[in-house]
């Protein structure tokens, strides 16, 4: 059995194809202005932090570990527990949290 498509069916299919085919180009087009906006936002945030004398510590650095994570990381047998806790506290990915905890552990020896 053959199914007969109406004009509206073809128009819906064409719209879907146009949306998906042109979606990649639209995303690439929108990325460039977003990068500039993000850079301006970071400069403004840095200026505000400097104005209010607020020190920003990158959570992906060993200095960004909380006291609780440092206490756990002091016991090398509990390294995985320290990484898990650091991820929970900061929302970092596994690699960044692992690198920060390992850098702390290697720096204290």
Protein backbone atom coordinates (compact mmCIF):
# COMPACT_ATOMS: atom_id res chain seq x y z
CA UNK A 1 0.00 0.00 0.00
CA UNK A 2 1.15 3.47 -0.83
CA UNK A 3 0.58 6.46 1.36
CA UNK A 4 -0.46 9.68 -0.31
CA UNK A 5 1.12 12.81 1.07
CA UNK A 6 -0.63 16.12 0.88
CA UNK A 7 0.97 19.48 0.25
CA UNK A 8 0.94 20.32 3.97
CA UNK A 9 2.91 17.12 4.68
CA UNK A 10 5.58 18.17 2.20
CA UNK A 11 5.76 21.63 3.70
CA UNK A 12 6.24 20.24 7.21
CA UNK A 13 9.00 17.92 5.96
CA UNK A 14 10.67 20.82 4.14
CA UNK A 15 10.53 22.98 7.26
CA UNK A 16 12.13 20.23 9.35
CA UNK A 17 14.92 19.77 6.79
CA UNK A 18 15.57 23.52 6.65
CA UNK A 19 15.70 23.80 10.42
CA UNK A 20 18.10 20.90 10.88
CA UNK A 21 20.26 21.68 7.85
CA UNK A 22 20.64 25.35 8.74
CA UNK A 23 20.92 24.84 12.48
CA UNK A 24 24.67 24.27 12.42
CA UNK A 25 25.33 27.46 10.49
CA UNK A 26 23.12 29.45 12.84
CA UNK A 27 25.00 28.15 15.89
CA UNK A 28 28.36 29.05 14.34
CA UNK A 29 27.07 32.51 13.48
CA UNK A 30 25.91 33.14 17.06
CA UNK A 31 29.12 31.96 18.75
CA UNK A 32 31.37 34.83 17.69
CA UNK A 33 29.34 37.62 19.36
CA UNK A 34 28.89 35.45 22.45
CA UNK A 35 32.66 35.13 22.87
CA UNK A 36 33.06 38.91 22.85
CA UNK A 37 30.19 39.35 25.28
CA UNK A 38 31.68 36.75 27.60
CA UNK A 39 35.09 38.47 27.53
CA UNK A 40 33.48 41.82 28.41
CA UNK A 41 31.51 40.21 31.21
CA UNK A 42 34.67 38.63 32.65
CA UNK A 43 36.47 42.00 32.58
CA UNK A 44 33.55 43.66 34.36
CA UNK A 45 33.44 40.92 36.97
CA UNK A 46 37.20 41.23 37.54
CA UNK A 47 36.78 44.99 38.00
CA UNK A 48 33.99 44.49 40.54
CA UNK A 49 35.99 41.91 42.47
CA UNK A 50 38.97 44.24 42.52
CA UNK A 51 36.88 47.22 43.58
CA UNK A 52 35.41 45.36 46.55
CA UNK A 53 38.74 43.68 47.42
CA UNK A 54 37.32 40.21 46.92
CA UNK A 55 39.90 37.58 46.10
CA UNK A 56 38.79 34.92 43.66
CA UNK A 57 40.33 31.51 44.12
CA UNK A 58 39.91 29.09 41.25
CA UNK A 59 38.30 25.90 42.58
CA UNK A 60 40.32 23.92 40.04
CA UNK A 61 43.55 24.96 41.78
CA UNK A 62 44.97 23.46 44.99
CA UNK A 63 44.23 26.76 46.75
CA UNK A 64 40.54 26.30 45.91
CA UNK A 65 40.14 23.24 48.15
CA UNK A 66 38.05 23.64 51.28
CA UNK A 67 39.51 22.83 54.67
CA UNK A 68 37.42 19.66 54.80
CA UNK A 69 38.75 18.44 51.46
CA UNK A 70 42.31 19.27 52.55
CA UNK A 71 41.85 17.33 55.79
CA UNK A 72 40.63 14.27 53.88
CA UNK A 73 43.34 14.64 51.21
CA UNK A 74 46.04 14.61 53.90
CA UNK A 75 45.38 10.87 54.15
CA UNK A 76 46.52 9.47 50.79
CA UNK A 77 44.26 6.43 51.25
CA UNK A 78 41.22 8.75 51.10
CA UNK A 79 42.14 10.55 47.87
CA UNK A 80 39.02 9.37 46.01
CA UNK A 81 36.82 10.54 48.86
CA UNK A 82 38.50 13.97 48.74
CA UNK A 83 37.94 14.20 44.98
CA UNK A 84 34.27 13.27 45.34
CA UNK A 85 33.74 15.85 48.08
CA UNK A 86 35.52 18.55 46.09
CA UNK A 87 33.29 17.81 43.09
CA UNK A 88 30.17 18.02 45.27
CA UNK A 89 31.24 21.31 46.80
CA UNK A 90 32.33 23.04 43.60
CA UNK A 91 30.51 21.36 40.72
CA UNK A 92 33.82 20.73 38.94
CA UNK A 93 34.25 17.86 36.53
CA UNK A 94 36.15 14.74 37.50
CA UNK A 95 39.40 15.70 35.77
CA UNK A 96 39.58 19.21 37.25
CA UNK A 97 38.73 18.01 40.76
CA UNK A 98 41.23 15.15 40.53
CA UNK A 99 43.97 17.48 39.26
CA UNK A 100 43.34 19.97 42.07
CA UNK A 101 43.39 17.33 44.82
CA UNK A 102 46.47 15.62 43.39
CA UNK A 103 48.28 18.96 43.05
CA UNK A 104 47.51 19.69 46.70
CA UNK A 105 48.68 16.25 47.76
CA UNK A 106 51.95 16.52 45.82
CA UNK A 107 52.59 20.02 47.11
CA UNK A 108 52.30 19.13 50.78
CA UNK A 109 54.84 16.30 50.71
